[in-house]
Amino acid sequence: MKNLVFLIIIILLPFGCPAQDKSKKDKEKSEIKPSKNNDDEWDLTVIDTQFDYFMSAVAKPISQYSESYLKTKNTLLVSEWNSYYFSGRYRNIIESSIDYDPKENYGIKFEYKLYQVFAYVNWKYGLRMNGLSGSDTTRY
């Protein structure tokens, strides 16, 4: 009788695990979508519940960066990010590549927000990226 109960539990266990549904929801929450707004300015929408907290409480203010500094850093970071994506490293964190043209004038707000996305990924997941400034990385 104990073996029969154990066998039934083993058979029903895969049906009771919602892990696949959770991972799909997490993927939807962490999408990053660049777009132009109504003022013809580039904008970056991050769908993650903790990103707004990070921007208001953890991230350094925009006034501490210049646009050229951010553009240089973002060029390096996007290259590193895409390298990880195409090599399959950090698949649980990096789910898509980033289409970023360093020749495009995105504006300081976009450059700042994109840079903070990389700092956020470091803060939340501990993914260390070589292009991040030492003061923007989280020490573990």
N, C-alpha and C. Protein backbone atom coordinates (compact mmCIF):
# COMPACT_ATOMS: atom_id res chain seq x y z
N MET A 1 0.82 -1.19 0.00
CA MET A 1 0.00 0.00 0.00
C MET A 1 0.87 1.27 0.00
N LYS A 2 1.96 1.27 0.80
CA LYS A 2 2.85 2.43 0.85
C LYS A 2 3.49 2.66 -0.51
N ASN A 3 3.85 1.58 -1.19
CA ASN A 3 4.47 1.70 -2.51
C ASN A 3 3.48 2.29 -3.52
N LEU A 4 2.22 1.94 -3.42
CA LEU A 4 1.20 2.46 -4.33
C LEU A 4 1.01 3.96 -4.11
N VAL A 5 0.96 4.40 -2.85
CA VAL A 5 0.83 5.82 -2.55
C VAL A 5 2.06 6.58 -3.05
N PHE A 6 3.25 6.02 -2.82
CA PHE A 6 4.48 6.63 -3.28
C PHE A 6 4.50 6.74 -4.81
N LEU A 7 4.05 5.71 -5.50
CA LEU A 7 4.00 5.69 -6.97
C LEU A 7 3.03 6.76 -7.48
N ILE A 8 1.89 6.91 -6.85
CA ILE A 8 0.90 7.91 -7.26
C ILE A 8 1.48 9.32 -7.06
N ILE A 9 2.17 9.54 -5.96
CA ILE A 9 2.79 10.85 -5.70
C ILE A 9 3.83 11.17 -6.76
N ILE A 10 4.65 10.18 -7.11
CA ILE A 10 5.68 10.38 -8.13
C ILE A 10 5.04 10.70 -9.48
N ILE A 11 3.96 10.05 -9.80
CA ILE A 11 3.29 10.28 -11.09
C ILE A 11 2.64 11.66 -11.13
N LEU A 12 2.03 12.10 -10.03
CA LEU A 12 1.32 13.37 -10.00
C LEU A 12 2.24 14.57 -9.74
N LEU A 13 3.44 14.37 -9.28
CA LEU A 13 4.35 15.45 -8.93
C LEU A 13 4.62 16.43 -10.08
N PRO A 14 4.89 15.95 -11.30
CA PRO A 14 5.14 16.92 -12.39
C PRO A 14 3.94 17.82 -12.70
N PHE A 15 2.73 17.33 -12.45
CA PHE A 15 1.55 18.14 -12.75
C PHE A 15 1.31 19.22 -11.71
N GLY A 16 1.88 19.06 -10.53
CA GLY A 16 1.69 20.02 -9.46
C GLY A 16 2.78 21.08 -9.38
N CYS A 17 3.75 21.03 -10.27
CA CYS A 17 4.86 21.99 -10.23
C CYS A 17 4.59 23.17 -11.16
N PRO A 18 4.39 24.36 -10.62
CA PRO A 18 4.13 25.53 -11.46
C PRO A 18 5.40 26.25 -11.90
N ALA A 19 6.55 25.62 -11.86
CA ALA A 19 7.82 26.30 -12.16
C ALA A 19 7.85 26.85 -13.59
N GLN A 20 7.28 26.14 -14.54
CA GLN A 20 7.29 26.63 -15.91
C GLN A 20 6.45 27.89 -16.05
N ASP A 21 5.30 27.94 -15.40
CA ASP A 21 4.46 29.13 -15.48
C ASP A 21 5.16 30.32 -14.84
N LYS A 22 5.84 30.10 -13.73
CA LYS A 22 6.54 31.18 -13.04
C LYS A 22 7.65 31.76 -13.91
N SER A 23 8.41 30.90 -14.58
CA SER A 23 9.50 31.41 -15.41
C SER A 23 8.96 32.22 -16.58
N LYS A 24 7.81 31.85 -17.12
CA LYS A 24 7.21 32.65 -18.20
C LYS A 24 6.79 34.02 -17.69
N LYS A 25 6.24 34.08 -16.48
CA LYS A 25 5.84 35.36 -15.90
C LYS A 25 7.05 36.23 -15.63
N ASP A 26 8.14 35.63 -15.11
CA ASP A 26 9.36 36.39 -14.85
C ASP A 26 9.93 36.96 -16.14
N LYS A 27 9.87 36.20 -17.23
CA LYS A 27 10.39 36.70 -18.51
C LYS A 27 9.58 37.90 -18.98
N GLU A 28 8.26 37.85 -18.78
CA GLU A 28 7.41 38.96 -19.20
C GLU A 28 7.71 40.20 -18.37
N LYS A 29 8.02 40.04 -17.09
CA LYS A 29 8.26 41.18 -16.21
C LYS A 29 9.56 41.91 -16.53
N SER A 30 10.54 41.20 -17.09
CA SER A 30 11.86 41.81 -17.24
C SER A 30 12.19 42.18 -18.67
N GLU A 31 11.20 42.43 -19.49
CA GLU A 31 11.45 42.85 -20.86
C GLU A 31 11.94 44.30 -20.90
N ILE A 32 12.85 44.57 -21.83
CA ILE A 32 13.35 45.91 -22.04
C ILE A 32 12.99 46.29 -23.47
N LYS A 33 12.26 47.39 -23.63
CA LYS A 33 11.81 47.79 -24.96
C LYS A 33 12.19 49.23 -25.27
N PRO A 34 13.17 49.46 -26.14
CA PRO A 34 13.47 50.83 -26.55
C PRO A 34 12.47 51.32 -27.60
N SER A 35 12.10 52.58 -27.52
CA SER A 35 11.16 53.15 -28.49
C SER A 35 11.27 54.66 -28.48
N LYS A 36 10.67 55.28 -29.46
CA LYS A 36 10.60 56.75 -29.49
C LYS A 36 9.26 57.19 -28.91
N ASN A 37 9.31 58.27 -28.11
CA ASN A 37 8.07 58.77 -27.54
C ASN A 37 7.45 59.82 -28.46
N ASN A 38 6.39 60.46 -28.01
CA ASN A 38 5.68 61.44 -28.84
C ASN A 38 6.52 62.67 -29.18
N ASP A 39 7.51 62.97 -28.34
CA ASP A 39 8.38 64.11 -28.59
C ASP A 39 9.56 63.75 -29.48
N ASP A 40 9.51 62.57 -30.08
CA ASP A 40 10.55 62.06 -30.95
C ASP A 40 11.88 61.87 -30.22
N GLU A 41 11.78 61.59 -28.90
CA GLU A 41 12.95 61.28 -28.10
C GLU A 41 12.96 59.78 -27.82
N TRP A 42 14.16 59.23 -27.73
CA TRP A 42 14.28 57.81 -27.41
C TRP A 42 13.92 57.58 -25.96
N ASP A 43 13.19 56.50 -25.72
CA ASP A 43 12.80 56.15 -24.37
C ASP A 43 13.01 54.65 -24.19
N LEU A 44 13.21 54.26 -22.98
CA LEU A 44 13.46 52.87 -22.64
C LEU A 44 12.46 52.47 -21.57
N THR A 45 11.65 51.46 -21.86
CA THR A 45 10.67 50.98 -20.91
C THR A 45 11.16 49.67 -20.31
N VAL A 46 11.31 49.64 -19.01
CA VAL A 46 11.73 48.43 -18.31
C VAL A 46 10.56 47.92 -17.50
N ILE A 47 10.15 46.72 -17.80
CA ILE A 47 9.00 46.13 -17.09
C ILE A 47 9.56 45.17 -16.05
N ASP A 48 9.84 45.71 -14.90
CA ASP A 48 10.32 44.92 -13.77
C ASP A 48 9.94 45.70 -12.52
N THR A 49 9.31 45.04 -11.60
CA THR A 49 8.76 45.72 -10.43
C THR A 49 9.82 46.39 -9.57
N GLN A 50 11.04 45.88 -9.55
CA GLN A 50 12.07 46.46 -8.68
C GLN A 50 12.91 47.53 -9.37
N PHE A 51 12.77 47.70 -10.68
CA PHE A 51 13.61 48.66 -11.38
C PHE A 51 13.33 50.09 -10.93
N ASP A 52 12.07 50.44 -10.75
CA ASP A 52 11.74 51.80 -10.29
C ASP A 52 12.34 52.07 -8.91
N TYR A 53 12.27 51.07 -8.03
CA TYR A 53 12.90 51.22 -6.71
C TYR A 53 14.40 51.45 -6.88
N PHE A 54 15.04 50.66 -7.72
CA PHE A 54 16.47 50.79 -7.96
C PHE A 54 16.81 52.20 -8.45
N MET A 55 16.03 52.70 -9.40
CA MET A 55 16.29 54.03 -9.97
C MET A 55 16.15 55.12 -8.91
N SER A 56 15.18 54.99 -8.02
CA SER A 56 14.95 56.06 -7.04
C SER A 56 15.81 55.93 -5.78
N ALA A 57 16.21 54.72 -5.42
CA ALA A 57 16.90 54.55 -4.14
C ALA A 57 18.35 54.11 -4.24
N VAL A 58 18.74 53.49 -5.35
CA VAL A 58 20.08 52.90 -5.43
C VAL A 58 20.95 53.59 -6.48
N ALA A 59 20.39 53.85 -7.65
CA ALA A 59 21.17 54.41 -8.76
C ALA A 59 21.68 55.81 -8.45
N LYS A 60 22.88 56.08 -8.95
CA LYS A 60 23.42 57.43 -8.82
C LYS A 60 22.60 58.37 -9.71
N PRO A 61 22.49 59.65 -9.34
CA PRO A 61 21.68 60.58 -10.13
C PRO A 61 22.30 60.86 -11.51
N ILE A 62 21.46 61.24 -12.43
CA ILE A 62 21.88 61.50 -13.81
C ILE A 62 22.92 62.62 -13.86
N SER A 63 22.87 63.53 -12.92
CA SER A 63 23.79 64.67 -12.91
C SER A 63 25.25 64.25 -12.71
N GLN A 64 25.49 63.04 -12.29
CA GLN A 64 26.86 62.58 -12.06
C GLN A 64 27.51 61.99 -13.31
N TYR A 65 26.80 62.03 -14.42
CA TYR A 65 27.32 61.46 -15.67
C TYR A 65 27.24 62.48 -16.79
N SER A 66 28.13 62.34 -17.75
CA SER A 66 28.01 63.12 -18.98
C SER A 66 27.46 62.18 -20.06
N GLU A 67 26.86 62.77 -21.07
CA GLU A 67 26.29 61.95 -22.15
C GLU A 67 27.39 61.17 -22.87
N SER A 68 28.53 61.78 -23.10
CA SER A 68 29.61 61.08 -23.80
C SER A 68 30.15 59.91 -22.97
N TYR A 69 30.23 60.09 -21.67
CA TYR A 69 30.67 59.01 -20.79
C TYR A 69 29.70 57.83 -20.87
N LEU A 70 28.40 58.14 -20.77
CA LEU A 70 27.39 57.08 -20.83
C LEU A 70 27.39 56.37 -22.18
N LYS A 71 27.54 57.13 -23.26
CA LYS A 71 27.56 56.54 -24.60
C LYS A 71 28.73 55.58 -24.74
N THR A 72 29.90 55.99 -24.24
CA THR A 72 31.09 55.12 -24.30
C THR A 72 30.87 53.85 -23.48
N LYS A 73 30.37 54.01 -22.27
CA LYS A 73 30.11 52.86 -21.40
C LYS A 73 29.04 51.94 -22.01
N ASN A 74 27.96 52.52 -22.52
CA ASN A 74 26.89 51.71 -23.10
C ASN A 74 27.36 50.93 -24.32
N THR A 75 28.23 51.53 -25.12
CA THR A 75 28.78 50.82 -26.28
C THR A 75 29.51 49.57 -25.82
N LEU A 76 30.33 49.69 -24.78
CA LEU A 76 31.06 48.53 -24.24
C LEU A 76 30.11 47.52 -23.60
N LEU A 77 29.17 48.02 -22.83
CA LEU A 77 28.26 47.13 -22.11
C LEU A 77 27.32 46.38 -23.05
N VAL A 78 26.82 47.06 -24.08
CA VAL A 78 25.94 46.39 -25.05
C VAL A 78 26.72 45.29 -25.77
N SER A 79 27.96 45.58 -26.13
CA SER A 79 28.80 44.58 -26.78
C SER A 79 29.01 43.37 -25.87
N GLU A 80 29.29 43.63 -24.61
CA GLU A 80 29.49 42.54 -23.65
C GLU A 80 28.19 41.75 -23.45
N TRP A 81 27.08 42.47 -23.32
CA TRP A 81 25.76 41.84 -23.14
C TRP A 81 25.44 40.93 -24.33
N ASN A 82 25.59 41.47 -25.54
CA ASN A 82 25.29 40.69 -26.74
C ASN A 82 26.22 39.49 -26.88
N SER A 83 27.46 39.65 -26.47
CA SER A 83 28.40 38.53 -26.48
C SER A 83 27.90 37.41 -25.56
N TYR A 84 27.44 37.78 -24.37
CA TYR A 84 26.88 36.78 -23.45
C TYR A 84 25.64 36.13 -24.06
N TYR A 85 24.78 36.95 -24.66
CA TYR A 85 23.55 36.43 -25.24
C TYR A 85 23.83 35.42 -26.35
N PHE A 86 24.68 35.81 -27.30
CA PHE A 86 24.93 34.94 -28.45
C PHE A 86 25.76 33.71 -28.09
N SER A 87 26.53 33.77 -27.01
CA SER A 87 27.28 32.59 -26.58
C SER A 87 26.45 31.68 -25.68
N GLY A 88 25.31 32.18 -25.22
CA GLY A 88 24.43 31.38 -24.36
C GLY A 88 24.78 31.45 -22.88
N ARG A 89 25.70 32.34 -22.53
CA ARG A 89 26.03 32.50 -21.12
C ARG A 89 24.94 33.28 -20.40
N TYR A 90 24.73 32.96 -19.17
CA TYR A 90 23.74 33.64 -18.31
C TYR A 90 22.34 33.63 -18.92
N ARG A 91 21.93 32.50 -19.46
CA ARG A 91 20.61 32.40 -20.10
C ARG A 91 19.47 32.72 -19.16
N ASN A 92 19.66 32.47 -17.88
CA ASN A 92 18.60 32.76 -16.92
C ASN A 92 18.44 34.26 -16.67
N ILE A 93 19.42 35.07 -17.11
CA ILE A 93 19.36 36.52 -16.91
C ILE A 93 19.19 37.24 -18.24
N ILE A 94 20.00 36.88 -19.22
CA ILE A 94 20.01 37.58 -20.51
C ILE A 94 19.15 36.82 -21.50
N GLU A 95 17.99 37.39 -21.83
CA GLU A 95 17.02 36.68 -22.65
C GLU A 95 16.90 37.24 -24.06
N SER A 96 17.58 38.34 -24.34
CA SER A 96 17.54 38.91 -25.69
C SER A 96 18.77 39.77 -25.92
N SER A 97 19.04 40.00 -27.19
CA SER A 97 20.15 40.89 -27.51
C SER A 97 19.65 42.33 -27.49
N ILE A 98 20.57 43.27 -27.54
CA ILE A 98 20.22 44.68 -27.54
C ILE A 98 20.69 45.28 -28.86
N ASP A 99 19.77 45.93 -29.53
CA ASP A 99 20.09 46.61 -30.79
C ASP A 99 20.43 48.06 -30.45
N TYR A 100 21.71 48.37 -30.43
CA TYR A 100 22.18 49.69 -30.02
C TYR A 100 23.18 50.19 -31.05
N ASP A 101 22.94 51.37 -31.57
CA ASP A 101 23.82 51.98 -32.56
C ASP A 101 24.55 53.14 -31.91
N PRO A 102 25.87 53.03 -31.68
CA PRO A 102 26.60 54.12 -31.02
C PRO A 102 26.62 55.42 -31.83
N LYS A 103 26.29 55.34 -33.12
CA LYS A 103 26.25 56.54 -33.95
C LYS A 103 24.94 57.31 -33.78
N GLU A 104 23.94 56.65 -33.23
CA GLU A 104 22.62 57.27 -33.02
C GLU A 104 22.69 58.21 -31.82
N ASN A 105 22.03 59.37 -31.94
CA ASN A 105 21.96 60.31 -30.84
C ASN A 105 20.69 60.00 -30.04
N TYR A 106 20.84 59.20 -29.00
CA TYR A 106 19.69 58.78 -28.19
C TYR A 106 19.31 59.82 -27.14
N GLY A 107 20.25 60.65 -26.74
CA GLY A 107 19.99 61.63 -25.68
C GLY A 107 20.44 61.10 -24.33
N ILE A 108 20.72 62.02 -23.43
CA ILE A 108 21.29 61.63 -22.13
C ILE A 108 20.31 60.82 -21.29
N LYS A 109 19.01 61.10 -21.36
CA LYS A 109 18.04 60.35 -20.56
C LYS A 109 18.04 58.87 -20.94
N PHE A 110 18.05 58.61 -22.25
CA PHE A 110 18.07 57.22 -22.72
C PHE A 110 19.39 56.56 -22.34
N GLU A 111 20.50 57.24 -22.58
CA GLU A 111 21.82 56.67 -22.27
C GLU A 111 21.93 56.36 -20.78
N TYR A 112 21.43 57.26 -19.95
CA TYR A 112 21.46 57.07 -18.50
C TYR A 112 20.63 55.85 -18.10
N LYS A 113 19.43 55.77 -18.62
CA LYS A 113 18.54 54.67 -18.25
C LYS A 113 19.10 53.33 -18.73
N LEU A 114 19.66 53.29 -19.93
CA LEU A 114 20.27 52.06 -20.42
C LEU A 114 21.44 51.65 -19.54
N TYR A 115 22.27 52.60 -19.17
CA TYR A 115 23.40 52.30 -18.29
C TYR A 115 22.90 51.76 -16.95
N GLN A 116 21.85 52.34 -16.44
CA GLN A 116 21.29 51.89 -15.16
C GLN A 116 20.67 50.51 -15.27
N VAL A 117 20.23 50.12 -16.45
CA VAL A 117 19.75 48.75 -16.64
C VAL A 117 20.89 47.76 -16.36
N PHE A 118 22.07 48.05 -16.87
CA PHE A 118 23.21 47.18 -16.63
C PHE A 118 23.59 47.18 -15.15
N ALA A 119 23.55 48.35 -14.52
CA ALA A 119 23.84 48.44 -13.08
C ALA A 119 22.78 47.69 -12.28
N TYR A 120 21.53 47.75 -12.73
CA TYR A 120 20.43 47.05 -12.07
C TYR A 120 20.61 45.53 -12.16
N VAL A 121 20.99 45.04 -13.32
CA VAL A 121 21.22 43.60 -13.49
C VAL A 121 22.35 43.15 -12.57
N ASN A 122 23.35 43.99 -12.42
CA ASN A 122 24.43 43.68 -11.48
C ASN A 122 23.91 43.67 -10.05
N TRP A 123 23.10 44.65 -9.71
CA TRP A 123 22.55 44.79 -8.36
C TRP A 123 21.61 43.64 -8.02
N LYS A 124 20.71 43.32 -8.94
CA LYS A 124 19.68 42.31 -8.66
C LYS A 124 20.20 40.88 -8.78
N TYR A 125 20.97 40.60 -9.82
CA TYR A 125 21.38 39.23 -10.11
C TYR A 125 22.86 38.96 -9.82
N GLY A 126 23.63 40.00 -9.54
CA GLY A 126 25.05 39.81 -9.27
C GLY A 126 25.87 39.56 -10.52
N LEU A 127 25.34 39.89 -11.70
CA LEU A 127 26.07 39.70 -12.95
C LEU A 127 27.07 40.83 -13.10
N ARG A 128 28.34 40.50 -13.00
CA ARG A 128 29.40 41.50 -13.10
C ARG A 128 29.76 41.69 -14.56
N MET A 129 29.70 42.92 -14.99
CA MET A 129 30.04 43.25 -16.37
C MET A 129 31.26 44.16 -16.35
N ASN A 130 32.21 43.86 -17.22
CA ASN A 130 33.47 44.59 -17.25
C ASN A 130 33.31 46.08 -17.59
N GLY A 131 32.27 46.43 -18.32
CA GLY A 131 32.08 47.82 -18.73
C GLY A 131 31.51 48.72 -17.65
N LEU A 132 31.01 48.15 -16.55
CA LEU A 132 30.44 48.97 -15.48
C LEU A 132 31.54 49.63 -14.67
N SER A 133 31.28 50.87 -14.30
CA SER A 133 32.21 51.60 -13.44
C SER A 133 32.26 50.94 -12.08
N GLY A 134 33.39 50.98 -11.44
CA GLY A 134 33.54 50.36 -10.12
C GLY A 134 32.56 50.88 -9.10
N SER A 135 32.21 52.15 -9.17
CA SER A 135 31.27 52.72 -8.20
C SER A 135 29.82 52.33 -8.49
N ASP A 136 29.56 51.74 -9.66
CA ASP A 136 28.20 51.33 -10.00
C ASP A 136 27.99 49.83 -9.85
N THR A 137 29.00 49.12 -9.38
CA THR A 137 28.86 47.68 -9.20
C THR A 137 28.55 47.37 -7.76
N THR A 138 27.85 46.28 -7.56
CA THR A 138 27.50 45.83 -6.24
C THR A 138 28.56 44.85 -5.77
N ARG A 139 29.06 45.05 -4.62
CA ARG A 139 30.07 44.16 -4.06
C ARG A 139 29.37 43.07 -3.24
N TYR A 140 29.73 41.83 -3.50
CA TYR A 140 29.16 40.71 -2.73
C TYR A 140 30.18 40.09 -1.84
